N, C-alpha and C. Protein backbone atom coordinates (compact mmCIF):
# COMPACT_ATOMS: atom_id res chain seq x y z
N UNK A 1 -91.01 -6.98 50.54
CA UNK A 1 -92.11 -6.48 49.71
C UNK A 1 -91.60 -5.47 48.67
N UNK A 2 -90.82 -4.49 49.16
CA UNK A 2 -90.27 -3.47 48.24
C UNK A 2 -89.33 -4.11 47.23
N UNK A 3 -88.53 -5.08 47.71
CA UNK A 3 -87.58 -5.76 46.81
C UNK A 3 -88.31 -6.49 45.70
N UNK A 4 -89.51 -7.00 45.99
CA UNK A 4 -90.29 -7.70 44.97
C UNK A 4 -90.86 -6.73 43.94
N UNK A 5 -91.26 -5.54 44.41
CA UNK A 5 -91.82 -4.54 43.51
C UNK A 5 -90.74 -3.86 42.66
N UNK A 6 -89.56 -3.66 43.27
CA UNK A 6 -88.46 -2.98 42.58
C UNK A 6 -87.19 -3.84 42.64
N UNK A 7 -87.17 -4.97 41.92
CA UNK A 7 -86.05 -5.91 42.04
C UNK A 7 -84.71 -5.39 41.54
N UNK A 8 -84.74 -4.43 40.61
CA UNK A 8 -83.49 -3.95 40.01
C UNK A 8 -82.97 -2.65 40.62
N UNK A 9 -83.68 -2.14 41.60
CA UNK A 9 -83.30 -0.84 42.18
C UNK A 9 -82.17 -1.02 43.20
N UNK A 10 -81.11 -0.25 42.97
CA UNK A 10 -80.02 -0.16 43.95
C UNK A 10 -80.34 1.05 44.84
N UNK A 11 -80.81 0.79 46.06
CA UNK A 11 -81.32 1.87 46.91
C UNK A 11 -80.23 2.83 47.36
N UNK A 12 -78.99 2.36 47.40
CA UNK A 12 -77.88 3.26 47.74
C UNK A 12 -77.69 4.28 46.61
N UNK A 13 -77.75 3.79 45.37
CA UNK A 13 -77.65 4.68 44.21
C UNK A 13 -78.85 5.64 44.18
N UNK A 14 -80.02 5.11 44.52
CA UNK A 14 -81.23 5.94 44.52
C UNK A 14 -81.09 7.08 45.54
N UNK A 15 -80.54 6.76 46.70
CA UNK A 15 -80.34 7.78 47.73
C UNK A 15 -79.33 8.83 47.27
N UNK A 16 -78.22 8.38 46.66
CA UNK A 16 -77.21 9.31 46.15
C UNK A 16 -77.80 10.22 45.09
N UNK A 17 -78.62 9.65 44.20
CA UNK A 17 -79.26 10.43 43.14
C UNK A 17 -80.25 11.44 43.72
N UNK A 18 -80.95 11.04 44.78
CA UNK A 18 -81.90 11.93 45.44
C UNK A 18 -81.17 13.11 46.08
N UNK A 19 -80.05 12.84 46.72
CA UNK A 19 -79.25 13.91 47.35
C UNK A 19 -78.75 14.87 46.27
N UNK A 20 -78.30 14.34 45.13
CA UNK A 20 -77.83 15.19 44.03
C UNK A 20 -78.96 16.07 43.51
N UNK A 21 -80.15 15.50 43.37
CA UNK A 21 -81.30 16.27 42.89
C UNK A 21 -81.66 17.37 43.88
N UNK A 22 -81.66 17.04 45.17
CA UNK A 22 -81.96 18.03 46.20
C UNK A 22 -80.90 19.13 46.24
N UNK A 23 -79.64 18.76 46.03
CA UNK A 23 -78.54 19.72 46.00
C UNK A 23 -78.71 20.69 44.83
N UNK A 24 -78.93 20.13 43.63
CA UNK A 24 -79.10 20.96 42.44
C UNK A 24 -80.31 21.88 42.59
N UNK A 25 -81.41 21.33 43.08
CA UNK A 25 -82.63 22.12 43.24
C UNK A 25 -82.45 23.20 44.29
N UNK A 26 -81.92 22.81 45.46
CA UNK A 26 -81.77 23.76 46.57
C UNK A 26 -80.88 24.94 46.24
N UNK A 27 -79.71 24.66 45.67
CA UNK A 27 -78.76 25.73 45.37
C UNK A 27 -79.28 26.62 44.25
N UNK A 28 -79.87 26.02 43.22
CA UNK A 28 -80.39 26.82 42.11
C UNK A 28 -81.60 27.64 42.53
N UNK A 29 -82.43 27.12 43.45
CA UNK A 29 -83.57 27.89 43.97
C UNK A 29 -83.06 29.11 44.74
N UNK A 30 -82.05 28.92 45.56
CA UNK A 30 -81.49 30.02 46.36
C UNK A 30 -80.95 31.14 45.47
N UNK A 31 -80.15 30.77 44.47
CA UNK A 31 -79.55 31.78 43.59
C UNK A 31 -80.62 32.39 42.68
N UNK A 32 -81.56 31.56 42.22
CA UNK A 32 -82.67 32.05 41.39
C UNK A 32 -83.51 33.07 42.15
N UNK A 33 -83.73 32.82 43.44
CA UNK A 33 -84.51 33.74 44.28
C UNK A 33 -83.84 35.12 44.31
N UNK A 34 -82.54 35.14 44.55
CA UNK A 34 -81.80 36.41 44.63
C UNK A 34 -81.80 37.13 43.28
N UNK A 35 -81.41 36.42 42.22
CA UNK A 35 -81.36 37.04 40.89
C UNK A 35 -82.75 37.45 40.40
N UNK A 36 -83.74 36.60 40.67
CA UNK A 36 -85.11 36.89 40.25
C UNK A 36 -85.66 38.12 40.93
N UNK A 37 -85.37 38.26 42.23
CA UNK A 37 -85.80 39.45 42.97
C UNK A 37 -85.17 40.71 42.38
N UNK A 38 -83.85 40.64 42.12
CA UNK A 38 -83.14 41.80 41.56
C UNK A 38 -83.71 42.19 40.20
N UNK A 39 -83.86 41.20 39.31
CA UNK A 39 -84.39 41.47 37.97
C UNK A 39 -85.84 41.94 38.03
N UNK A 40 -86.63 41.30 38.88
CA UNK A 40 -88.04 41.66 39.00
C UNK A 40 -88.23 43.08 39.51
N UNK A 41 -87.45 43.46 40.51
CA UNK A 41 -87.52 44.83 41.04
C UNK A 41 -87.08 45.84 39.99
N UNK A 42 -86.02 45.49 39.25
CA UNK A 42 -85.54 46.37 38.18
C UNK A 42 -86.62 46.56 37.11
N UNK A 43 -87.27 45.46 36.73
CA UNK A 43 -88.35 45.55 35.74
C UNK A 43 -89.49 46.43 36.26
N UNK A 44 -89.84 46.24 37.51
CA UNK A 44 -90.95 47.00 38.09
C UNK A 44 -90.62 48.49 38.21
N UNK A 45 -89.46 48.80 38.77
CA UNK A 45 -89.11 50.20 39.02
C UNK A 45 -88.86 51.00 37.74
N UNK A 46 -88.39 50.34 36.68
CA UNK A 46 -88.09 51.06 35.42
C UNK A 46 -89.28 51.06 34.46
N UNK A 47 -90.38 50.41 34.86
CA UNK A 47 -91.56 50.40 34.00
C UNK A 47 -92.29 51.74 34.06
N UNK A 48 -93.29 51.90 33.20
CA UNK A 48 -94.00 53.18 33.07
C UNK A 48 -94.63 53.62 34.39
N UNK A 49 -94.46 54.90 34.70
CA UNK A 49 -95.06 55.54 35.87
C UNK A 49 -94.54 55.00 37.20
N UNK A 50 -93.32 54.48 37.20
CA UNK A 50 -92.72 54.01 38.44
C UNK A 50 -91.48 54.82 38.80
N UNK A 51 -90.87 54.49 39.93
CA UNK A 51 -89.82 55.33 40.53
C UNK A 51 -88.62 55.58 39.62
N UNK A 52 -88.17 54.54 38.90
CA UNK A 52 -87.01 54.69 38.02
C UNK A 52 -87.41 54.60 36.55
N UNK A 53 -88.54 55.11 36.18
CA UNK A 53 -89.06 54.93 34.81
C UNK A 53 -87.98 55.21 33.77
N UNK A 54 -87.72 54.18 32.96
CA UNK A 54 -86.68 54.29 31.93
C UNK A 54 -86.98 53.27 30.83
N UNK A 55 -87.43 53.76 29.70
CA UNK A 55 -87.86 52.87 28.61
C UNK A 55 -86.74 51.98 28.11
N UNK A 56 -85.54 52.52 28.02
CA UNK A 56 -84.40 51.76 27.47
C UNK A 56 -84.01 50.62 28.41
N UNK A 57 -83.83 50.96 29.70
CA UNK A 57 -83.44 49.94 30.68
C UNK A 57 -84.52 48.86 30.78
N UNK A 58 -85.77 49.30 30.83
CA UNK A 58 -86.88 48.33 30.92
C UNK A 58 -86.93 47.45 29.67
N UNK A 59 -86.78 48.09 28.50
CA UNK A 59 -86.84 47.35 27.24
C UNK A 59 -85.75 46.30 27.12
N UNK A 60 -84.52 46.68 27.47
CA UNK A 60 -83.38 45.76 27.39
C UNK A 60 -83.55 44.61 28.39
N UNK A 61 -83.85 44.97 29.64
CA UNK A 61 -84.03 43.94 30.68
C UNK A 61 -85.16 43.00 30.33
N UNK A 62 -86.27 43.56 29.86
CA UNK A 62 -87.43 42.76 29.49
C UNK A 62 -87.11 41.81 28.34
N UNK A 63 -86.34 42.32 27.36
CA UNK A 63 -85.97 41.50 26.21
C UNK A 63 -85.09 40.32 26.63
N UNK A 64 -84.10 40.59 27.49
CA UNK A 64 -83.21 39.53 27.98
C UNK A 64 -84.00 38.47 28.75
N UNK A 65 -84.89 38.93 29.62
CA UNK A 65 -85.74 38.02 30.39
C UNK A 65 -86.60 37.17 29.46
N UNK A 66 -87.21 37.80 28.47
CA UNK A 66 -88.09 37.08 27.55
C UNK A 66 -87.33 36.04 26.73
N UNK A 67 -86.12 36.39 26.30
CA UNK A 67 -85.33 35.46 25.48
C UNK A 67 -84.99 34.20 26.27
N UNK A 68 -84.41 34.37 27.45
CA UNK A 68 -84.00 33.20 28.24
C UNK A 68 -85.18 32.43 28.81
N UNK A 69 -86.30 33.14 29.00
CA UNK A 69 -87.51 32.49 29.52
C UNK A 69 -88.16 31.62 28.45
N UNK A 70 -87.90 31.98 27.19
CA UNK A 70 -88.59 31.31 26.09
C UNK A 70 -87.83 30.10 25.54
N UNK A 71 -86.53 30.02 25.80
CA UNK A 71 -85.74 28.91 25.26
C UNK A 71 -86.08 27.62 26.01
N UNK A 72 -86.49 26.55 25.31
CA UNK A 72 -86.74 25.27 25.98
C UNK A 72 -85.50 24.83 26.76
N UNK A 73 -85.70 24.30 27.96
CA UNK A 73 -84.57 24.04 28.85
C UNK A 73 -83.55 23.07 28.26
N UNK A 74 -84.01 22.03 27.59
CA UNK A 74 -83.08 21.03 27.04
C UNK A 74 -82.17 21.66 25.99
N UNK A 75 -82.71 22.65 25.25
CA UNK A 75 -81.90 23.38 24.25
C UNK A 75 -80.94 24.33 24.96
N UNK A 76 -81.42 24.96 26.02
CA UNK A 76 -80.58 25.88 26.79
C UNK A 76 -79.35 25.17 27.35
N UNK A 77 -79.55 23.95 27.85
CA UNK A 77 -78.42 23.17 28.38
C UNK A 77 -77.34 23.01 27.31
N UNK A 78 -77.79 22.63 26.11
CA UNK A 78 -76.85 22.40 25.00
C UNK A 78 -76.15 23.70 24.61
N UNK A 79 -76.91 24.80 24.54
CA UNK A 79 -76.34 26.10 24.19
C UNK A 79 -75.29 26.55 25.20
N UNK A 80 -75.49 26.20 26.45
CA UNK A 80 -74.60 26.65 27.52
C UNK A 80 -73.43 25.71 27.78
N UNK A 81 -73.31 24.63 27.02
CA UNK A 81 -72.20 23.69 27.23
C UNK A 81 -70.83 24.38 27.17
N UNK A 82 -70.56 25.22 26.15
CA UNK A 82 -69.24 25.90 26.11
C UNK A 82 -69.02 26.80 27.34
N UNK A 83 -70.07 27.52 27.75
CA UNK A 83 -69.97 28.41 28.92
C UNK A 83 -69.73 27.60 30.19
N UNK A 84 -70.46 26.50 30.33
CA UNK A 84 -70.30 25.63 31.50
C UNK A 84 -68.90 25.01 31.53
N UNK A 85 -68.42 24.59 30.37
CA UNK A 85 -67.08 24.01 30.26
C UNK A 85 -66.02 25.03 30.66
N UNK A 86 -66.20 26.28 30.20
CA UNK A 86 -65.26 27.36 30.53
C UNK A 86 -65.30 27.67 32.03
N UNK A 87 -66.50 27.69 32.59
CA UNK A 87 -66.69 28.08 33.98
C UNK A 87 -66.22 27.02 34.96
N UNK A 88 -66.56 25.76 34.68
CA UNK A 88 -66.31 24.68 35.64
C UNK A 88 -65.33 23.62 35.15
N UNK A 89 -64.91 23.74 33.89
CA UNK A 89 -63.97 22.79 33.29
C UNK A 89 -64.56 21.38 33.19
N UNK A 90 -65.88 21.28 33.21
CA UNK A 90 -66.55 19.99 33.03
C UNK A 90 -68.00 20.25 32.65
N UNK A 91 -68.62 19.28 31.98
CA UNK A 91 -70.05 19.39 31.66
C UNK A 91 -70.82 18.24 32.29
N UNK A 92 -70.17 17.53 33.21
CA UNK A 92 -70.81 16.40 33.88
C UNK A 92 -70.88 16.63 35.38
N UNK A 93 -71.87 16.03 36.01
CA UNK A 93 -72.01 16.18 37.46
C UNK A 93 -73.03 17.24 37.85
N UNK A 94 -73.38 17.23 39.13
CA UNK A 94 -74.43 18.13 39.64
C UNK A 94 -74.07 19.60 39.47
N UNK A 95 -72.82 19.97 39.74
CA UNK A 95 -72.41 21.38 39.63
C UNK A 95 -72.51 21.89 38.20
N UNK A 96 -72.25 21.01 37.23
CA UNK A 96 -72.29 21.42 35.82
C UNK A 96 -73.70 21.78 35.37
N UNK A 97 -74.70 21.30 36.08
CA UNK A 97 -76.09 21.62 35.71
C UNK A 97 -76.51 22.99 36.22
N UNK A 98 -75.82 23.50 37.23
CA UNK A 98 -76.25 24.74 37.91
C UNK A 98 -76.36 25.96 36.99
N UNK A 99 -75.37 26.25 36.12
CA UNK A 99 -75.51 27.43 35.26
C UNK A 99 -76.79 27.41 34.43
N UNK A 100 -77.07 26.26 33.80
CA UNK A 100 -78.29 26.16 32.98
C UNK A 100 -79.55 26.26 33.83
N UNK A 101 -79.54 25.64 35.00
CA UNK A 101 -80.70 25.69 35.89
C UNK A 101 -81.00 27.12 36.32
N UNK A 102 -79.96 27.85 36.70
CA UNK A 102 -80.13 29.22 37.18
C UNK A 102 -80.53 30.16 36.05
N UNK A 103 -79.83 30.06 34.91
CA UNK A 103 -80.13 30.93 33.76
C UNK A 103 -81.52 30.63 33.20
N UNK A 104 -81.94 29.38 33.31
CA UNK A 104 -83.28 29.01 32.84
C UNK A 104 -84.39 29.46 33.77
N UNK A 105 -84.13 29.44 35.08
CA UNK A 105 -85.19 29.71 36.05
C UNK A 105 -85.28 31.17 36.50
N UNK A 106 -84.13 31.87 36.59
CA UNK A 106 -84.13 33.25 37.10
C UNK A 106 -85.04 34.20 36.30
N UNK A 107 -84.99 34.19 34.95
CA UNK A 107 -85.90 35.06 34.19
C UNK A 107 -87.38 34.70 34.40
N UNK A 108 -87.65 33.40 34.50
CA UNK A 108 -89.00 32.92 34.75
C UNK A 108 -89.53 33.48 36.08
N UNK A 109 -88.69 33.41 37.11
CA UNK A 109 -89.09 33.92 38.42
C UNK A 109 -89.15 35.45 38.44
N UNK A 110 -88.27 36.09 37.66
CA UNK A 110 -88.26 37.56 37.60
C UNK A 110 -89.60 38.11 37.14
N UNK A 111 -90.21 37.45 36.16
CA UNK A 111 -91.52 37.88 35.70
C UNK A 111 -92.57 37.72 36.80
N UNK A 112 -92.46 36.64 37.55
CA UNK A 112 -93.39 36.43 38.66
C UNK A 112 -93.23 37.53 39.72
N UNK A 113 -91.98 37.92 39.96
CA UNK A 113 -91.70 39.00 40.92
C UNK A 113 -92.32 40.30 40.42
N UNK A 114 -92.13 40.60 39.14
CA UNK A 114 -92.69 41.83 38.57
C UNK A 114 -94.21 41.84 38.70
N UNK A 115 -94.85 40.72 38.40
CA UNK A 115 -96.32 40.62 38.51
C UNK A 115 -96.76 40.82 39.96
N UNK A 116 -96.02 40.20 40.89
CA UNK A 116 -96.35 40.33 42.32
C UNK A 116 -96.26 41.79 42.77
N UNK A 117 -95.23 42.50 42.30
CA UNK A 117 -95.04 43.91 42.69
C UNK A 117 -96.12 44.81 42.09
N UNK A 118 -96.57 44.47 40.90
CA UNK A 118 -97.61 45.26 40.24
C UNK A 118 -98.95 45.16 40.97
N UNK A 119 -99.12 44.09 41.74
CA UNK A 119 -100.38 43.89 42.46
C UNK A 119 -100.46 44.71 43.76
N UNK A 120 -99.34 45.32 44.15
CA UNK A 120 -99.33 46.15 45.36
C UNK A 120 -100.14 47.43 45.12
N UNK A 121 -100.93 47.82 46.08
CA UNK A 121 -101.73 49.04 45.99
C UNK A 121 -100.79 50.24 45.81
N UNK A 122 -100.97 50.97 44.71
CA UNK A 122 -100.09 52.12 44.42
C UNK A 122 -100.18 53.19 45.51
N UNK A 123 -101.31 53.21 46.20
CA UNK A 123 -101.49 54.20 47.27
C UNK A 123 -100.49 54.01 48.39
N UNK A 124 -100.12 52.75 48.65
CA UNK A 124 -99.14 52.46 49.70
C UNK A 124 -97.77 53.01 49.32
N UNK A 125 -97.41 52.84 48.04
CA UNK A 125 -96.12 53.34 47.54
C UNK A 125 -96.12 54.87 47.55
N UNK A 126 -97.24 55.47 47.11
CA UNK A 126 -97.34 56.94 47.09
C UNK A 126 -97.26 57.52 48.49
N UNK A 127 -97.86 56.81 49.44
CA UNK A 127 -97.83 57.28 50.83
C UNK A 127 -96.40 57.28 51.37
N UNK A 128 -95.66 56.24 51.04
CA UNK A 128 -94.26 56.14 51.47
C UNK A 128 -93.42 57.25 50.83
N UNK A 129 -93.69 57.53 49.53
CA UNK A 129 -92.96 58.60 48.83
C UNK A 129 -93.27 59.96 49.45
N UNK A 130 -94.54 60.20 49.78
CA UNK A 130 -94.95 61.49 50.33
C UNK A 130 -94.34 61.74 51.72
N UNK A 131 -93.97 60.64 52.39
CA UNK A 131 -93.34 60.77 53.70
C UNK A 131 -91.82 60.91 53.59
N UNK A 132 -91.33 61.00 52.35
CA UNK A 132 -89.91 61.23 52.11
C UNK A 132 -89.06 59.98 52.13
N UNK A 133 -89.67 58.81 52.00
CA UNK A 133 -88.91 57.56 52.03
C UNK A 133 -88.03 57.44 50.78
N UNK A 134 -86.80 56.98 50.97
CA UNK A 134 -85.90 56.75 49.85
C UNK A 134 -86.35 55.52 49.08
N UNK A 135 -85.84 55.36 47.86
CA UNK A 135 -86.20 54.20 47.04
C UNK A 135 -85.81 52.90 47.73
N UNK A 136 -84.62 52.89 48.35
CA UNK A 136 -84.17 51.68 49.05
C UNK A 136 -85.12 51.33 50.20
N UNK A 137 -85.61 52.36 50.89
CA UNK A 137 -86.56 52.13 52.00
C UNK A 137 -87.87 51.59 51.46
N UNK A 138 -88.33 52.14 50.33
CA UNK A 138 -89.58 51.67 49.72
C UNK A 138 -89.45 50.20 49.30
N UNK A 139 -88.27 49.84 48.77
CA UNK A 139 -88.05 48.45 48.35
C UNK A 139 -88.12 47.51 49.55
N UNK A 140 -87.36 47.84 50.61
CA UNK A 140 -87.23 46.94 51.77
C UNK A 140 -88.43 46.99 52.72
N UNK A 141 -89.07 48.16 52.82
CA UNK A 141 -90.14 48.32 53.81
C UNK A 141 -91.55 48.22 53.21
N UNK A 142 -91.65 48.40 51.89
CA UNK A 142 -92.98 48.38 51.25
C UNK A 142 -93.11 47.26 50.22
N UNK A 143 -92.28 47.33 49.17
CA UNK A 143 -92.44 46.40 48.06
C UNK A 143 -92.27 44.94 48.46
N UNK A 144 -91.15 44.60 49.11
CA UNK A 144 -90.89 43.20 49.46
C UNK A 144 -91.86 42.67 50.52
N UNK A 145 -92.09 43.39 51.64
CA UNK A 145 -93.05 42.87 52.63
C UNK A 145 -94.46 42.70 52.08
N UNK A 146 -94.93 43.69 51.29
CA UNK A 146 -96.30 43.64 50.77
C UNK A 146 -96.50 42.50 49.76
N UNK A 147 -95.45 42.17 49.03
CA UNK A 147 -95.57 41.15 47.98
C UNK A 147 -95.07 39.78 48.41
N UNK A 148 -94.62 39.64 49.66
CA UNK A 148 -93.97 38.41 50.09
C UNK A 148 -94.80 37.13 49.89
N UNK A 149 -96.10 37.12 50.20
CA UNK A 149 -96.87 35.89 49.94
C UNK A 149 -96.81 35.47 48.47
N UNK A 150 -96.97 36.44 47.56
CA UNK A 150 -96.92 36.14 46.12
C UNK A 150 -95.51 35.72 45.70
N UNK A 151 -94.49 36.33 46.31
CA UNK A 151 -93.10 35.96 45.99
C UNK A 151 -92.81 34.53 46.39
N UNK A 152 -93.28 34.12 47.56
CA UNK A 152 -93.06 32.74 48.03
C UNK A 152 -93.85 31.76 47.17
N UNK A 153 -95.07 32.13 46.84
CA UNK A 153 -95.89 31.28 45.97
C UNK A 153 -95.22 31.09 44.61
N UNK A 154 -94.69 32.19 44.06
CA UNK A 154 -93.99 32.11 42.78
C UNK A 154 -92.72 31.28 42.87
N UNK A 155 -92.02 31.41 44.00
CA UNK A 155 -90.80 30.63 44.21
C UNK A 155 -91.12 29.14 44.30
N UNK A 156 -92.26 28.81 44.89
CA UNK A 156 -92.68 27.41 44.97
C UNK A 156 -92.88 26.82 43.58
N UNK A 157 -93.56 27.58 42.73
CA UNK A 157 -93.78 27.14 41.34
C UNK A 157 -92.44 26.97 40.63
N UNK A 158 -91.54 27.92 40.84
CA UNK A 158 -90.22 27.88 40.21
C UNK A 158 -89.41 26.69 40.71
N UNK A 159 -89.47 26.42 42.01
CA UNK A 159 -88.74 25.28 42.59
C UNK A 159 -89.22 23.96 42.00
N UNK A 160 -90.53 23.83 41.83
CA UNK A 160 -91.09 22.61 41.24
C UNK A 160 -90.65 22.47 39.78
N UNK A 161 -90.62 23.59 39.06
CA UNK A 161 -90.13 23.56 37.68
C UNK A 161 -88.66 23.14 37.64
N UNK A 162 -87.88 23.61 38.62
CA UNK A 162 -86.45 23.27 38.69
C UNK A 162 -86.23 21.78 38.94
N UNK A 163 -87.11 21.15 39.70
CA UNK A 163 -87.00 19.69 39.89
C UNK A 163 -87.12 19.00 38.54
N UNK A 164 -88.07 19.46 37.73
CA UNK A 164 -88.21 18.92 36.38
C UNK A 164 -87.00 19.21 35.51
N UNK A 165 -86.44 20.41 35.66
CA UNK A 165 -85.23 20.77 34.92
C UNK A 165 -84.06 19.85 35.28
N UNK A 166 -83.93 19.54 36.58
CA UNK A 166 -82.81 18.66 37.00
C UNK A 166 -82.94 17.28 36.37
N UNK A 167 -84.19 16.82 36.23
CA UNK A 167 -84.42 15.51 35.59
C UNK A 167 -83.97 15.54 34.13
N UNK A 168 -84.27 16.66 33.44
CA UNK A 168 -83.83 16.79 32.04
C UNK A 168 -82.31 16.91 31.96
N UNK A 169 -81.72 17.65 32.90
CA UNK A 169 -80.26 17.80 32.91
C UNK A 169 -79.58 16.45 33.14
N UNK A 170 -80.25 15.58 33.89
CA UNK A 170 -79.70 14.25 34.16
C UNK A 170 -79.49 13.42 32.91
N UNK A 171 -80.31 13.67 31.90
CA UNK A 171 -80.21 12.91 30.65
C UNK A 171 -78.87 13.14 29.96
N UNK A 172 -78.27 14.33 30.16
CA UNK A 172 -76.96 14.59 29.52
C UNK A 172 -75.82 14.50 30.54
N UNK A 173 -76.07 13.77 31.64
CA UNK A 173 -74.98 13.44 32.55
C UNK A 173 -74.79 14.34 33.74
N UNK A 174 -75.85 15.10 34.11
CA UNK A 174 -75.72 16.00 35.25
C UNK A 174 -75.92 15.30 36.59
N UNK A 175 -76.25 14.04 36.56
CA UNK A 175 -76.49 13.32 37.81
C UNK A 175 -77.92 13.47 38.28
N UNK A 176 -78.20 12.99 39.48
CA UNK A 176 -79.53 13.11 40.02
C UNK A 176 -80.47 12.01 39.57
N UNK A 177 -81.73 12.15 39.93
CA UNK A 177 -82.73 11.13 39.65
C UNK A 177 -83.02 10.97 38.16
N UNK A 178 -82.93 12.08 37.43
CA UNK A 178 -83.15 12.00 35.98
C UNK A 178 -82.09 11.15 35.30
N UNK A 179 -80.85 11.33 35.73
CA UNK A 179 -79.73 10.55 35.19
C UNK A 179 -79.90 9.07 35.52
N UNK A 180 -80.30 8.77 36.76
CA UNK A 180 -80.51 7.39 37.19
C UNK A 180 -81.65 6.74 36.42
N UNK A 181 -82.76 7.48 36.28
CA UNK A 181 -83.92 6.94 35.55
C UNK A 181 -83.58 6.66 34.09
N UNK A 182 -82.75 7.51 33.50
CA UNK A 182 -82.40 7.34 32.08
C UNK A 182 -81.37 6.23 31.86
N UNK A 183 -80.25 6.29 32.63
CA UNK A 183 -79.16 5.33 32.42
C UNK A 183 -79.48 3.94 32.97
N UNK A 184 -79.89 3.90 34.24
CA UNK A 184 -80.15 2.60 34.88
C UNK A 184 -81.54 2.06 34.58
N UNK A 185 -82.46 2.97 34.26
CA UNK A 185 -83.83 2.55 34.00
C UNK A 185 -84.13 2.36 32.54
N UNK A 186 -84.24 3.46 31.81
CA UNK A 186 -84.66 3.41 30.40
C UNK A 186 -83.68 2.65 29.51
N UNK A 187 -82.39 2.99 29.58
CA UNK A 187 -81.42 2.37 28.68
C UNK A 187 -81.22 0.87 28.95
N UNK A 188 -81.48 0.43 30.15
CA UNK A 188 -81.33 -0.99 30.49
C UNK A 188 -82.67 -1.71 30.57
N UNK A 189 -83.72 -1.02 30.12
CA UNK A 189 -85.08 -1.59 30.12
C UNK A 189 -85.51 -2.08 31.50
N UNK A 190 -85.11 -1.31 32.53
CA UNK A 190 -85.52 -1.63 33.90
C UNK A 190 -86.62 -0.64 34.30
N UNK A 191 -87.84 -1.01 34.01
CA UNK A 191 -88.96 -0.11 34.26
C UNK A 191 -89.13 0.21 35.74
N UNK A 192 -88.75 -0.73 36.61
CA UNK A 192 -88.92 -0.51 38.05
C UNK A 192 -87.99 0.60 38.56
N UNK A 193 -86.81 0.72 37.95
CA UNK A 193 -85.87 1.79 38.34
C UNK A 193 -86.44 3.14 37.94
N UNK A 194 -86.97 3.23 36.71
CA UNK A 194 -87.57 4.46 36.22
C UNK A 194 -88.77 4.85 37.09
N UNK A 195 -89.58 3.85 37.44
CA UNK A 195 -90.76 4.10 38.27
C UNK A 195 -90.36 4.58 39.67
N UNK A 196 -89.37 3.94 40.25
CA UNK A 196 -88.92 4.32 41.60
C UNK A 196 -88.39 5.76 41.60
N UNK A 197 -87.59 6.11 40.58
CA UNK A 197 -87.05 7.47 40.48
C UNK A 197 -88.18 8.49 40.30
N UNK A 198 -89.19 8.10 39.52
CA UNK A 198 -90.35 8.99 39.30
C UNK A 198 -91.10 9.21 40.60
N UNK A 199 -91.29 8.16 41.37
CA UNK A 199 -91.99 8.28 42.65
C UNK A 199 -91.25 9.21 43.61
N UNK A 200 -89.92 9.08 43.66
CA UNK A 200 -89.12 9.95 44.53
C UNK A 200 -89.24 11.40 44.09
N UNK A 201 -89.21 11.65 42.77
CA UNK A 201 -89.37 13.01 42.24
C UNK A 201 -90.73 13.57 42.63
N UNK A 202 -91.77 12.75 42.54
CA UNK A 202 -93.12 13.19 42.91
C UNK A 202 -93.19 13.54 44.40
N UNK A 203 -92.53 12.75 45.23
CA UNK A 203 -92.49 13.03 46.67
C UNK A 203 -91.82 14.38 46.93
N UNK A 204 -90.72 14.65 46.23
CA UNK A 204 -90.02 15.94 46.37
C UNK A 204 -90.93 17.09 45.96
N UNK A 205 -91.64 16.91 44.83
CA UNK A 205 -92.55 17.95 44.33
C UNK A 205 -93.68 18.22 45.32
N UNK A 206 -94.29 17.15 45.82
CA UNK A 206 -95.39 17.31 46.79
C UNK A 206 -94.89 17.99 48.07
N UNK A 207 -93.68 17.64 48.50
CA UNK A 207 -93.10 18.24 49.70
C UNK A 207 -92.86 19.74 49.48
N UNK A 208 -92.32 20.11 48.32
CA UNK A 208 -92.08 21.52 48.01
C UNK A 208 -93.39 22.30 47.97
N UNK A 209 -94.41 21.71 47.36
CA UNK A 209 -95.71 22.38 47.27
C UNK A 209 -96.32 22.58 48.66
N UNK A 210 -96.21 21.56 49.49
CA UNK A 210 -96.75 21.63 50.85
C UNK A 210 -96.05 22.72 51.66
N UNK A 211 -94.72 22.72 51.61
CA UNK A 211 -93.93 23.72 52.36
C UNK A 211 -94.22 25.13 51.84
N UNK A 212 -94.26 25.27 50.51
CA UNK A 212 -94.55 26.57 49.90
C UNK A 212 -95.91 27.09 50.27
N UNK A 213 -96.94 26.23 50.23
CA UNK A 213 -98.30 26.64 50.61
C UNK A 213 -98.37 27.02 52.08
N UNK A 214 -97.67 26.26 52.91
CA UNK A 214 -97.66 26.53 54.35
C UNK A 214 -97.08 27.91 54.65
N UNK A 215 -95.92 28.21 54.03
CA UNK A 215 -95.27 29.51 54.25
C UNK A 215 -96.12 30.64 53.70
N UNK A 216 -96.70 30.44 52.51
CA UNK A 216 -97.55 31.47 51.89
C UNK A 216 -98.73 31.80 52.77
N UNK A 217 -99.38 30.76 53.29
CA UNK A 217 -100.56 30.98 54.16
C UNK A 217 -100.17 31.70 55.46
N UNK A 218 -98.98 31.40 55.97
CA UNK A 218 -98.51 32.07 57.20
C UNK A 218 -98.27 33.56 56.95
N UNK A 219 -97.74 33.87 55.74
CA UNK A 219 -97.39 35.25 55.41
C UNK A 219 -98.59 36.08 54.98
N UNK A 220 -99.59 35.41 54.41
CA UNK A 220 -100.76 36.13 53.88
C UNK A 220 -101.66 36.58 55.02
N UNK A 221 -101.71 37.87 55.24
CA UNK A 221 -102.49 38.42 56.37
C UNK A 221 -103.89 38.88 55.95
N UNK A 222 -104.25 38.60 54.69
CA UNK A 222 -105.56 39.05 54.22
C UNK A 222 -106.68 38.19 54.83
């Protein structure tokens, strides 16, 4: 039945492409989470009326985040080709997509982190300060735990965006389902290959959304 619906699909290739997409998405989500948290906390703490209030640091960090967040991903990939070539000595394959994926997603997630931290009741932070808590203690014991549901929700949105980014990266040879859909599907006029790759991408997206919602609901104690 499946062979009749998708006569041109090489399922071994489809599986390999799926693994590459999951690898690119998983690793970039992990690194994006760490960098996004660091940048988001820095933006929050250096903003007006916060613990490390500093207009210059906030302005510079905010500007960098805004610039990289605003560049369309397909253009960012092209702009980063020399950097990727220098870093990895290649611009092809799953690993070659990682710099662009991370640089494209981390600023996006950093803004979500900043927004999540701003939603925390200032009274909780003030109470921790009045008890003599250090900034590091406030970060680990107040800011991150209180904002965790929003952080996970934001990470889910970012992860889904990264799946789309991997598909775009595939068009210029980064591998994955996007590469398979473009080379084996579109360029060879095999609509069934493109459709099959699209269905697998949708399954990945739905799975990420389900897992993200599940974790968010578990963490949300409201």
